[in-house]
Amino acid sequence: MTIKVNYTKEKGLVQELDATGEGGFLVQGTEIGKKKVELIEANITLTANDTNKIFRVRNNNKTILLPEPSADLEGVIYKFVADADMTNTTTIKSVDNTAGIFVGSIIAIDDNTTNATAADQNSSIVFNKNNPAVAGESNSKRGDFVEITCLNTSGVGGTKWTLFGVCFGTKSIYFS
């Protein structure tokens, strides 16, 4: 077994047994320091235990399922980064495919404009493959990313997945 060190206002610095064997340093129960990086090569369902991970999104067709946003998940953060130029599509959505759970924008740097803004009808985020049949559409490039945080967005309908993303081309990451 390894030791995790946790600092809290109430107890100060406390050593705890870490059954995962990874160890670490926490402040108020939140791990700090180096983030875990995980490669996603197939369909996956994320949980609160996956918070603070950076997910490298492999170039193959897949669906990433998020838990439904809730007060219990407030503060959970996921970051998704394209691992390569995409020739396949990766879709990120909630387990129940609920519309209106996303709030935020994705910026396209090729023209420095807002590429996409979440709307009430949106139920998913798409890392796009190149689709020449749609004018102005381009594929996601290596390094395009979106970071998603569960927050209680007062005045916007309760708890949502709040996000920010950057992509190279128009519609290379978009909402559907």
Protein backbone atom coordinates (compact mmCIF):
# COMPACT_ATOMS: atom_id res chain seq x y z
CA MET A 1 0.00 0.00 0.00
CA THR A 2 1.08 3.54 -0.62
CA ILE A 3 0.36 6.73 1.24
CA LYS A 4 -1.70 9.69 0.13
CA VAL A 5 -1.20 13.02 1.90
CA ASN A 6 -4.32 15.14 2.38
CA TYR A 7 -4.46 18.70 3.75
CA THR A 8 -7.73 19.95 5.23
CA LYS A 9 -8.55 23.06 7.26
CA GLU A 10 -10.02 20.91 10.00
CA LYS A 11 -7.23 18.33 10.44
CA GLY A 12 -4.18 19.89 8.81
CA LEU A 13 -1.79 17.51 7.03
CA VAL A 14 -2.94 13.88 7.27
CA GLN A 15 -1.44 10.69 5.83
CA GLU A 16 -3.96 8.18 4.50
CA LEU A 17 -3.59 4.66 3.08
CA ASP A 18 -4.14 4.61 -0.68
CA ALA A 19 -5.60 1.32 -1.88
CA THR A 20 -5.00 2.30 -5.54
CA GLY A 21 -1.24 2.14 -5.01
CA GLU A 22 -0.74 5.48 -6.78
CA GLY A 23 -0.23 7.81 -3.81
CA GLY A 24 -0.60 11.54 -4.24
CA PHE A 25 -1.18 14.89 -2.60
CA LEU A 26 -4.62 16.31 -1.98
CA VAL A 27 -5.90 19.67 -0.75
CA GLN A 28 -9.38 19.55 0.77
CA GLY A 29 -9.82 16.10 -0.82
CA THR A 30 -8.95 17.23 -4.37
CA GLU A 31 -5.84 15.81 -5.97
CA ILE A 32 -3.37 18.37 -7.26
CA GLY A 33 -0.39 18.11 -9.53
CA LYS A 34 0.03 16.00 -12.63
CA LYS A 35 -3.22 14.94 -14.31
CA LYS A 36 -3.86 11.43 -15.50
CA VAL A 37 -3.95 10.92 -19.27
CA GLU A 38 -5.99 8.09 -20.77
CA LEU A 39 -6.35 6.95 -24.37
CA ILE A 40 -9.91 6.31 -25.59
CA GLU A 41 -9.96 3.77 -28.41
CA ALA A 42 -13.50 2.40 -28.05
CA ASN A 43 -16.93 3.32 -26.69
CA ILE A 44 -16.74 4.29 -23.01
CA THR A 45 -19.03 5.43 -20.21
CA LEU A 46 -17.42 7.93 -17.82
CA THR A 47 -18.17 8.34 -14.11
CA ALA A 48 -17.31 10.87 -11.41
CA ASN A 49 -14.19 8.77 -10.71
CA ASP A 50 -12.81 9.87 -14.10
CA THR A 51 -12.69 13.53 -13.07
CA ASN A 52 -9.55 15.57 -13.76
CA LYS A 53 -8.44 13.20 -16.53
CA ILE A 54 -7.27 14.23 -19.95
CA PHE A 55 -8.63 11.85 -22.56
CA ARG A 56 -6.72 11.41 -25.82
CA VAL A 57 -9.39 10.73 -28.44
CA ARG A 58 -8.14 8.13 -30.92
CA ASN A 59 -9.08 8.39 -34.61
CA ASN A 60 -11.86 5.78 -34.78
CA ASN A 61 -15.67 5.85 -34.63
CA LYS A 62 -16.80 5.83 -31.02
CA THR A 63 -19.24 7.26 -28.48
CA ILE A 64 -18.21 8.70 -25.12
CA LEU A 65 -21.05 8.73 -22.59
CA LEU A 66 -21.12 11.33 -19.80
CA PRO A 67 -23.18 10.91 -16.64
CA GLU A 68 -26.28 13.10 -16.47
CA PRO A 69 -25.28 16.44 -14.89
CA SER A 70 -26.38 16.67 -11.25
CA ALA A 71 -25.60 18.57 -8.05
CA ASP A 72 -23.58 15.55 -6.86
CA LEU A 73 -21.30 15.86 -9.92
CA GLU A 74 -20.69 19.60 -9.58
CA GLY A 75 -16.96 20.22 -10.11
CA VAL A 76 -16.32 17.06 -12.16
CA ILE A 77 -14.05 17.96 -15.11
CA TYR A 78 -13.14 16.02 -18.25
CA LYS A 79 -10.85 17.17 -21.07
CA PHE A 80 -10.90 15.56 -24.52
CA VAL A 81 -8.06 16.12 -27.01
CA ALA A 82 -7.91 14.81 -30.60
CA ASP A 83 -4.97 12.37 -30.72
CA ALA A 84 -4.64 12.67 -34.51
CA ASP A 85 -6.26 14.34 -37.51
CA MET A 86 -9.71 12.73 -37.54
CA THR A 87 -11.02 10.66 -40.43
CA ASN A 88 -13.69 9.12 -38.19
CA THR A 89 -16.30 10.62 -35.85
CA THR A 90 -16.27 10.67 -32.05
CA THR A 91 -19.50 11.69 -30.31
CA ILE A 92 -19.72 12.86 -26.68
CA LYS A 93 -23.18 12.78 -25.10
CA SER A 94 -24.98 11.99 -21.86
CA VAL A 95 -25.97 8.46 -20.96
CA ASP A 96 -29.64 9.36 -21.54
CA ASN A 97 -28.90 11.49 -24.65
CA THR A 98 -30.64 14.43 -22.98
CA ALA A 99 -31.00 17.64 -25.03
CA GLY A 100 -29.98 20.99 -23.53
CA ILE A 101 -27.33 19.72 -21.10
CA PHE A 102 -24.44 21.71 -22.63
CA VAL A 103 -23.63 25.40 -22.10
CA GLY A 104 -20.60 27.04 -23.70
CA SER A 105 -18.74 27.66 -26.93
CA ILE A 106 -16.07 26.20 -29.18
CA ILE A 107 -13.69 28.61 -30.90
CA ALA A 108 -12.32 27.97 -34.42
CA ILE A 109 -8.83 29.46 -34.71
CA ASP A 110 -8.64 29.44 -38.51
CA ASP A 111 -10.93 32.48 -38.59
CA ASN A 112 -10.90 33.43 -34.85
CA THR A 113 -14.66 33.16 -34.52
CA THR A 114 -17.05 31.24 -32.33
CA ASN A 115 -17.37 27.97 -34.17
CA ALA A 116 -20.33 26.64 -32.21
CA THR A 117 -22.41 27.61 -29.22
CA ALA A 118 -24.53 25.09 -27.33
CA ALA A 119 -28.29 25.48 -27.72
CA ASP A 120 -31.24 23.97 -25.87
CA GLN A 121 -31.80 21.30 -28.51
CA ASN A 122 -28.18 20.06 -28.51
CA SER A 123 -27.56 16.64 -27.00
CA SER A 124 -24.01 15.88 -28.16
CA ILE A 125 -20.57 17.22 -29.06
CA VAL A 126 -18.93 15.81 -32.19
CA PHE A 127 -15.23 15.57 -33.09
CA ASN A 128 -15.79 15.64 -36.84
CA LYS A 129 -14.34 13.62 -39.67
CA ASN A 130 -13.84 15.41 -42.98
CA ASN A 131 -17.14 15.50 -44.84
CA PRO A 132 -16.74 17.23 -48.23
CA ALA A 133 -20.50 16.98 -48.85
CA VAL A 134 -21.10 19.76 -46.30
CA ALA A 135 -19.82 23.21 -47.25
CA GLY A 136 -17.44 24.79 -44.74
CA GLU A 137 -16.95 21.59 -42.78
CA SER A 138 -13.48 20.33 -41.88
CA ASN A 139 -12.06 17.45 -39.88
CA SER A 140 -10.79 17.75 -36.32
CA LYS A 141 -7.03 18.19 -36.15
CA ARG A 142 -4.54 16.75 -33.68
CA GLY A 143 -4.70 18.96 -30.57
CA ASP A 144 -8.30 20.19 -31.02
CA PHE A 145 -9.91 19.97 -27.59
CA VAL A 146 -12.96 20.51 -25.44
CA GLU A 147 -13.00 20.74 -21.62
CA ILE A 148 -16.27 19.93 -19.89
CA THR A 149 -17.14 20.86 -16.28
CA CYS A 150 -20.34 20.04 -14.40
CA LEU A 151 -21.67 23.27 -12.86
CA ASN A 152 -24.91 24.60 -11.46
CA THR A 153 -25.53 27.30 -14.05
CA SER A 154 -27.92 29.60 -12.19
CA GLY A 155 -30.43 31.19 -14.52
CA VAL A 156 -29.70 28.73 -17.34
CA GLY A 157 -31.83 25.83 -16.21
CA GLY A 158 -29.96 24.14 -13.36
CA THR A 159 -26.96 21.86 -13.49
CA LYS A 160 -25.32 21.56 -16.92
CA TRP A 161 -22.10 20.44 -18.56
CA THR A 162 -20.31 23.77 -19.08
CA LEU A 163 -17.64 23.70 -21.72
CA PHE A 164 -14.96 25.52 -23.63
CA GLY A 165 -13.16 24.21 -26.67
CA VAL A 166 -10.71 25.21 -29.37
CA CYS A 167 -10.46 23.67 -32.82
CA PHE A 168 -8.59 24.49 -35.99
CA GLY A 169 -11.38 24.56 -38.58
CA THR A 170 -15.01 25.51 -38.91
CA LYS A 171 -17.25 22.71 -37.60
CA SER A 172 -14.30 20.45 -36.78
CA ILE A 173 -15.87 20.18 -33.31
CA TYR A 174 -19.57 21.02 -33.21
CA PHE A 175 -22.84 20.49 -31.32
CA SER A 176 -25.68 18.37 -32.63
